[in-house]
Amino acid sequence: MQRISRLKKELQLLANQPPPGISCWQNCDQKGELRAQILGIANSPYEGGIFDLDIILPERYPFEPPKIRFLTPIYHPNIDTAGRICLDILKLPPKSSEFKYNRQTFLENAKRWTLKHATQRKEEVPEILKENLNQVEPVAMMDRPVPQKRSICDYENAKKLCV
């Protein structure tokens, strides 16, 4: 019961005061499944990208952390090839050692992945997200990337925040 009330409160907060560059909504009628989109930060290799995430809240939430997975491929030392957040930096596999020892190559690869996997055309921006996009950078959206298309279920749940 605590999980449901906490989730309802947090979704309401995200709907009323979304952090700049982030949108989050309930995945259809699944109470413990959320979807999110994060806009790439300006002046980073991820600038201009929109990254989709899948968030699973365990039964013991908030006492157990959510499981988060990037659905959009991203070149980052702390995100594995399956999109899971990890601490690669400790093991120094290719992306982490590149980040540490050859920063310029890492930045070029990250930017190339962002352009290839995380950017889209302006015409595809759903109306429901335009306000959130404008909070990140109040400029014309001519050159802005746009979120992935969502199902009608996603839009309805984003409006209702049904929990």
Protein backbone atom coordinates (compact mmCIF):
# COMPACT_ATOMS: atom_id res chain seq x y z
CA MET A 1 0.00 0.00 0.00
CA GLN A 2 2.86 2.37 0.77
CA ARG A 3 4.24 1.73 -2.72
CA ILE A 4 0.99 2.81 -4.41
CA SER A 5 0.52 5.97 -2.35
CA ARG A 6 4.18 6.96 -2.78
CA LEU A 7 4.00 6.33 -6.53
CA LYS A 8 0.80 8.36 -6.86
CA LYS A 9 2.37 11.27 -4.97
CA GLU A 10 5.58 11.17 -7.03
CA LEU A 11 3.74 10.94 -10.36
CA GLN A 12 1.57 13.90 -9.38
CA LEU A 13 4.68 15.90 -8.51
CA LEU A 14 6.29 14.97 -11.85
CA ALA A 15 3.12 16.04 -13.69
CA ASN A 16 2.79 19.38 -11.88
CA GLN A 17 6.47 20.32 -11.57
CA PRO A 18 8.52 18.24 -14.01
CA PRO A 19 12.28 18.70 -13.76
CA PRO A 20 13.58 20.53 -16.84
CA GLY A 21 14.35 18.05 -19.59
CA ILE A 22 12.58 15.09 -18.01
CA SER A 23 9.14 13.63 -18.56
CA CYS A 24 7.80 10.52 -16.84
CA TRP A 25 4.49 8.70 -17.11
CA GLN A 26 2.86 5.45 -16.11
CA ASN A 27 3.12 2.65 -18.67
CA CYS A 28 -0.55 1.87 -19.43
CA ASP A 29 -2.27 0.22 -16.48
CA GLN A 30 0.85 -1.40 -15.04
CA LYS A 31 1.15 0.10 -11.55
CA GLY A 32 4.86 -0.60 -11.16
CA GLU A 33 5.99 0.26 -14.69
CA LEU A 34 6.93 3.75 -15.80
CA ARG A 35 8.40 5.27 -18.93
CA ALA A 36 10.57 8.35 -19.01
CA GLN A 37 12.38 10.56 -21.46
CA ILE A 38 15.49 12.57 -20.72
CA LEU A 39 16.75 15.35 -22.96
CA GLY A 40 20.50 15.48 -23.52
CA ILE A 41 22.25 18.20 -21.55
CA ALA A 42 23.54 21.24 -23.45
CA ASN A 43 27.29 21.38 -24.06
CA SER A 44 27.63 17.62 -23.65
CA PRO A 45 28.00 14.87 -26.26
CA TYR A 46 24.35 14.02 -25.52
CA GLU A 47 23.07 17.48 -26.47
CA GLY A 48 20.09 17.29 -28.81
CA GLY A 49 19.30 13.70 -27.91
CA ILE A 50 16.14 12.30 -26.39
CA PHE A 51 16.64 9.13 -24.42
CA ASP A 52 13.78 6.76 -23.54
CA LEU A 53 13.92 4.82 -20.30
CA ASP A 54 11.97 1.93 -18.82
CA ILE A 55 11.48 2.05 -15.03
CA ILE A 56 10.29 -0.93 -12.99
CA LEU A 57 9.33 -0.31 -9.37
CA PRO A 58 9.82 -3.40 -7.19
CA GLU A 59 7.16 -4.51 -4.71
CA ARG A 60 9.28 -3.17 -1.83
CA TYR A 61 9.54 0.34 -3.33
CA PRO A 62 10.48 2.84 -1.81
CA PHE A 63 12.68 0.60 0.36
CA GLU A 64 14.20 -1.02 -2.72
CA PRO A 65 15.41 1.11 -5.65
CA PRO A 66 13.73 1.04 -9.06
CA LYS A 67 15.29 -0.86 -11.93
CA ILE A 68 16.04 1.58 -14.74
CA ARG A 69 17.01 0.67 -18.27
CA PHE A 70 17.78 2.94 -21.21
CA LEU A 71 15.71 1.89 -24.23
CA THR A 72 17.55 4.33 -26.48
CA PRO A 73 21.14 3.19 -27.12
CA ILE A 74 23.57 5.53 -25.36
CA TYR A 75 27.35 5.57 -25.27
CA HIS A 76 28.16 6.09 -21.61
CA PRO A 77 30.68 4.40 -19.28
CA ASN A 78 28.04 3.65 -16.64
CA ILE A 79 25.42 2.15 -18.98
CA ASP A 80 25.96 -1.35 -20.36
CA THR A 81 24.96 -2.63 -23.80
CA ALA A 82 21.56 -3.75 -22.47
CA GLY A 83 20.85 -0.20 -21.25
CA ARG A 84 21.26 -1.01 -17.56
CA ILE A 85 22.94 1.47 -15.24
CA CYS A 86 26.09 -0.04 -13.78
CA LEU A 87 29.49 0.87 -12.38
CA ASP A 88 31.62 0.03 -15.43
CA ILE A 89 34.10 2.67 -14.34
CA LEU A 90 35.37 0.27 -11.64
CA LYS A 91 36.12 -2.58 -14.07
CA LEU A 92 37.39 -0.36 -16.88
CA PRO A 93 35.84 -2.14 -19.88
CA PRO A 94 36.28 -0.42 -23.28
CA LYS A 95 33.92 2.57 -22.76
CA SER A 96 35.21 3.30 -19.22
CA SER A 97 38.90 3.05 -20.08
CA GLU A 98 38.27 5.23 -23.15
CA PHE A 99 36.53 7.79 -20.93
CA LYS A 100 39.47 7.78 -18.54
CA TYR A 101 42.43 7.55 -20.95
CA ASN A 102 41.19 8.91 -24.29
CA ARG A 103 38.50 11.46 -23.48
CA GLN A 104 38.34 13.00 -26.99
CA THR A 105 37.58 9.63 -28.65
CA PHE A 106 34.96 8.92 -26.00
CA LEU A 107 33.26 12.29 -26.60
CA GLU A 108 33.25 11.75 -30.37
CA ASN A 109 31.75 8.26 -30.00
CA ALA A 110 29.10 9.48 -27.54
CA LYS A 111 28.11 12.31 -29.87
CA ARG A 112 27.95 9.95 -32.87
CA TRP A 113 25.69 7.53 -30.96
CA THR A 114 23.46 10.41 -29.88
CA LEU A 115 23.08 11.61 -33.46
CA LYS A 116 22.43 8.09 -34.72
CA HIS A 117 20.05 6.80 -32.03
CA ALA A 118 18.55 9.72 -30.10
CA THR A 119 17.59 12.50 -32.53
CA GLN A 120 14.43 12.88 -34.59
CA ARG A 121 12.47 15.41 -36.60
CA LYS A 122 10.58 18.40 -35.18
CA GLU A 123 7.23 17.36 -36.70
CA GLU A 124 7.04 14.32 -34.41
CA VAL A 125 6.88 16.27 -31.13
CA PRO A 126 3.69 15.35 -29.26
CA GLU A 127 1.78 18.39 -27.95
CA ILE A 128 1.88 17.05 -24.39
CA LEU A 129 5.69 17.38 -24.28
CA LYS A 130 6.18 20.74 -25.95
CA GLU A 131 5.90 22.63 -22.65
CA ASN A 132 8.55 20.45 -21.03
CA LEU A 133 10.87 20.88 -24.01
CA ASN A 134 10.49 24.66 -23.76
CA GLN A 135 11.51 24.59 -20.09
CA VAL A 136 14.88 23.14 -21.01
CA GLU A 137 15.76 25.80 -23.53
CA PRO A 138 13.21 28.46 -24.55
CA VAL A 139 14.14 28.63 -28.22
CA ALA A 140 12.35 27.73 -31.41
CA MET A 141 12.14 23.99 -31.89
CA MET A 142 13.45 24.08 -35.46
CA ASP A 143 16.61 22.18 -34.60
CA ARG A 144 15.40 20.38 -31.51
CA PRO A 145 15.07 16.60 -31.35
CA VAL A 146 11.71 15.17 -30.46
CA PRO A 147 10.51 12.34 -28.25
CA GLN A 148 9.67 8.90 -29.57
CA LYS A 149 6.05 8.37 -30.49
CA ARG A 150 3.95 7.15 -27.57
CA SER A 151 0.87 5.00 -27.64
CA ILE A 152 -2.50 6.58 -26.88
CA CYS A 153 -2.45 4.66 -23.60
CA ASP A 154 0.71 6.52 -22.60
CA TYR A 155 -0.91 9.90 -23.31
CA GLU A 156 -4.09 9.07 -21.43
CA ASN A 157 -2.18 7.86 -18.38
CA ALA A 158 0.10 10.87 -18.45
CA LYS A 159 -3.01 13.05 -18.23
CA LYS A 160 -4.86 11.03 -15.60
CA LEU A 161 -1.90 9.74 -13.62
CA CYS A 162 -4.01 6.73 -12.81
CA VAL A 163 -2.52 4.66 -10.02
